[in-house]
């Protein structure tokens, strides 16, 4: 059975909205290495509708020469959780319907691993249902005060164990967390 690996760019106050606020910090090459490691054993991508619609116009046109992650995003099967989308517009995409923990569990069991990026509503559902195996947070030294938060009110309390951590030259802290046993 595969693991669900969630990757988020997050502020100190927990905001995970569209990450344009990350641009001023640059992208430390070691961040790319960490993200590649997150994707390494995943043979599926799990996305919410909003993130899918944000990623598709950008990633579907990128080549490996432009970004080494392009083959992963374009060639890997993408499972899109949406109650409103009826057809996919990006190669290797499958609309799985509205969020349903049992459907996600079946996808998890049928893959070597699922990579999730962004997709805040989806991730909050996965967290609430205990379906996240690895949480990879890239914490930026900034607060936003407003915006969607990763851990919204109403999520059940949970404990996490640090599996890894790194500090990058751009001030970003990488935390790899797993659910505490």
Protein backbone atom coordinates (compact mmCIF):
# COMPACT_ATOMS: atom_id res chain seq x y z
CA UNK A 1 0.00 0.00 0.00
CA UNK A 2 1.23 3.46 -0.86
CA UNK A 3 1.59 6.44 1.39
CA UNK A 4 -0.03 9.84 1.02
CA UNK A 5 2.70 12.47 1.04
CA UNK A 6 1.54 16.07 1.43
CA UNK A 7 3.82 18.97 0.46
CA UNK A 8 2.92 22.54 1.44
CA UNK A 9 4.53 25.96 1.35
CA UNK A 10 3.29 27.52 4.59
CA UNK A 11 3.68 30.75 6.56
CA UNK A 12 4.55 30.94 10.25
CA UNK A 13 0.87 31.55 10.99
CA UNK A 14 -0.25 28.53 8.97
CA UNK A 15 -1.48 30.15 5.73
CA UNK A 16 -1.18 27.97 2.60
CA UNK A 17 -2.85 30.06 -0.11
CA UNK A 18 -1.44 30.62 -3.60
CA UNK A 19 2.29 30.83 -2.85
CA UNK A 20 3.16 34.04 -4.71
CA UNK A 21 4.34 35.35 -1.33
CA UNK A 22 7.25 32.86 -1.50
CA UNK A 23 8.89 34.50 -4.53
CA UNK A 24 10.90 37.11 -2.60
CA UNK A 25 12.70 34.29 -0.75
CA UNK A 26 13.96 32.57 -3.87
CA UNK A 27 14.16 28.83 -4.26
CA UNK A 28 17.09 27.16 -2.54
CA UNK A 29 18.28 24.23 -4.73
CA UNK A 30 18.15 21.98 -1.66
CA UNK A 31 14.39 22.60 -1.56
CA UNK A 32 14.17 21.10 -5.04
CA UNK A 33 16.14 18.08 -3.86
CA UNK A 34 13.76 17.63 -0.92
CA UNK A 35 10.68 17.93 -3.15
CA UNK A 36 12.13 15.42 -5.62
CA UNK A 37 12.61 13.06 -2.69
CA UNK A 38 8.97 13.48 -1.68
CA UNK A 39 7.86 12.57 -5.21
CA UNK A 40 10.37 9.74 -5.66
CA UNK A 41 8.20 6.78 -4.68
CA UNK A 42 4.88 8.26 -5.76
CA UNK A 43 3.18 6.88 -8.82
CA UNK A 44 0.10 9.08 -8.49
CA UNK A 45 -0.71 12.73 -7.82
CA UNK A 46 -3.79 13.60 -5.77
CA UNK A 47 -5.13 17.11 -6.30
CA UNK A 48 -8.14 19.18 -5.37
CA UNK A 49 -9.98 21.02 -8.13
CA UNK A 50 -8.53 24.47 -7.48
CA UNK A 51 -4.91 23.28 -7.43
CA UNK A 52 -5.52 21.09 -10.50
CA UNK A 53 -6.88 24.11 -12.38
CA UNK A 54 -3.90 26.21 -11.25
CA UNK A 55 -1.30 23.57 -12.13
CA UNK A 56 -2.69 22.43 -15.49
CA UNK A 57 -2.00 25.55 -17.60
CA UNK A 58 1.53 25.87 -16.24
CA UNK A 59 2.79 22.31 -15.81
CA UNK A 60 1.16 20.86 -18.94
CA UNK A 61 3.33 23.17 -21.07
CA UNK A 62 6.61 22.76 -19.16
CA UNK A 63 9.40 20.56 -20.42
CA UNK A 64 12.23 18.87 -18.54
CA UNK A 65 14.55 21.56 -19.94
CA UNK A 66 12.47 24.22 -18.18
CA UNK A 67 11.92 22.31 -14.95
CA UNK A 68 13.18 18.86 -13.89
CA UNK A 69 9.79 18.21 -12.23
CA UNK A 70 7.86 18.53 -15.51
CA UNK A 71 7.95 14.81 -16.45
CA UNK A 72 6.60 13.84 -13.04
CA UNK A 73 3.68 16.27 -13.26
CA UNK A 74 2.87 15.48 -16.89
CA UNK A 75 3.46 11.73 -17.07
CA UNK A 76 2.15 10.66 -13.66
CA UNK A 77 -1.52 9.79 -13.21
CA UNK A 78 -3.36 12.68 -11.57
CA UNK A 79 -6.44 11.91 -9.45
CA UNK A 80 -8.62 15.00 -9.11
CA UNK A 81 -11.04 15.29 -6.21
CA UNK A 82 -13.92 17.50 -7.32
CA UNK A 83 -17.68 17.58 -7.10
CA UNK A 84 -17.92 20.03 -10.01
CA UNK A 85 -15.41 18.95 -12.67
CA UNK A 86 -16.72 16.37 -15.11
CA UNK A 87 -13.82 16.01 -17.52
CA UNK A 88 -10.09 16.42 -17.36
CA UNK A 89 -8.08 18.83 -19.50
CA UNK A 90 -4.60 17.53 -18.68
CA UNK A 91 -3.12 14.26 -19.91
CA UNK A 92 -3.20 11.31 -17.50
CA UNK A 93 -5.88 12.90 -15.32
CA UNK A 94 -8.88 11.19 -13.79
CA UNK A 95 -11.74 12.93 -12.00
CA UNK A 96 -12.61 10.81 -8.95
CA UNK A 97 -15.62 12.83 -7.77
CA UNK A 98 -16.34 14.59 -4.51
CA UNK A 99 -14.16 13.96 -1.48
CA UNK A 100 -14.83 10.55 0.00
CA UNK A 101 -12.42 9.01 2.52
CA UNK A 102 -13.17 5.47 1.29
CA UNK A 103 -12.38 6.42 -2.31
CA UNK A 104 -9.11 8.03 -1.23
CA UNK A 105 -8.24 4.96 0.85
CA UNK A 106 -8.80 2.72 -2.22
CA UNK A 107 -6.54 4.98 -4.32
CA UNK A 108 -3.91 4.87 -1.58
CA UNK A 109 -4.06 1.08 -1.47
CA UNK A 110 -3.82 0.80 -5.25
CA UNK A 111 -0.68 2.89 -5.70
CA UNK A 112 2.91 2.96 -4.61
CA UNK A 113 2.30 6.41 -3.17
CA UNK A 114 0.31 9.57 -3.77
CA UNK A 115 1.85 13.05 -3.88
CA UNK A 116 -0.31 16.01 -2.83
CA UNK A 117 0.66 19.66 -3.25
CA UNK A 118 -1.47 22.63 -2.25
CA UNK A 119 -5.09 21.44 -2.34
CA UNK A 120 -5.96 22.91 1.07
CA UNK A 121 -9.56 21.70 1.28
CA UNK A 122 -8.54 18.21 0.21
CA UNK A 123 -5.62 18.12 2.65
CA UNK A 124 -7.79 19.23 5.56
CA UNK A 125 -10.12 16.32 4.73
CA UNK A 126 -7.19 13.91 4.54
CA UNK A 127 -5.89 15.17 7.90
CA UNK A 128 -9.31 14.87 9.53
CA UNK A 129 -9.65 11.30 8.27
CA UNK A 130 -6.13 10.26 9.29
CA UNK A 131 -5.05 9.55 5.71
CA UNK A 132 -1.82 11.59 5.63
CA UNK A 133 1.30 9.47 6.10
CA UNK A 134 3.92 12.16 5.54
CA UNK A 135 3.54 15.91 5.96
CA UNK A 136 6.28 17.95 4.28
CA UNK A 137 6.11 21.61 5.29
CA UNK A 138 8.32 24.34 3.87
CA UNK A 139 7.84 27.03 6.51
CA UNK A 140 8.56 30.57 5.32
CA UNK A 141 9.60 33.28 7.78
CA UNK A 142 6.57 35.44 7.13
CA UNK A 143 3.07 35.87 8.50
CA UNK A 144 0.06 36.65 6.34
CA UNK A 145 -2.60 37.11 9.04
CA UNK A 146 -5.34 36.20 6.56
CA UNK A 147 -5.89 33.33 4.19
CA UNK A 148 -6.71 29.64 4.25
CA UNK A 149 -4.88 27.75 6.93
CA UNK A 150 -3.58 24.21 6.83
CA UNK A 151 -4.93 23.37 10.28
CA UNK A 152 -8.32 25.04 10.29
CA UNK A 153 -10.61 25.18 13.28
CA UNK A 154 -12.54 21.97 13.70
CA UNK A 155 -9.75 19.58 12.73
CA UNK A 156 -9.27 16.94 15.42
CA UNK A 157 -6.16 17.36 17.58
CA UNK A 158 -3.19 15.28 16.42
CA UNK A 159 0.41 14.68 17.38
CA UNK A 160 3.21 14.50 14.86
CA UNK A 161 6.76 13.18 14.97
CA UNK A 162 9.65 14.93 13.26
CA UNK A 163 11.17 12.60 10.68
CA UNK A 164 13.54 15.21 9.26
CA UNK A 165 14.23 18.94 9.33
CA UNK A 166 16.49 21.29 7.41
CA UNK A 167 17.21 25.00 7.40
CA UNK A 168 17.86 26.62 4.03
CA UNK A 169 19.94 29.71 3.26
CA UNK A 170 16.80 31.61 2.17
CA UNK A 171 15.35 31.32 5.71
CA UNK A 172 12.90 28.54 4.92
CA UNK A 173 12.64 25.65 7.38
CA UNK A 174 11.72 22.23 6.00
CA UNK A 175 9.84 19.90 8.33
CA UNK A 176 9.06 16.30 7.45
CA UNK A 177 6.46 15.03 9.93
CA UNK A 178 4.71 11.70 10.37
CA UNK A 179 1.70 10.91 12.55
CA UNK A 180 2.79 10.01 16.08
CA UNK A 181 2.05 6.42 17.05
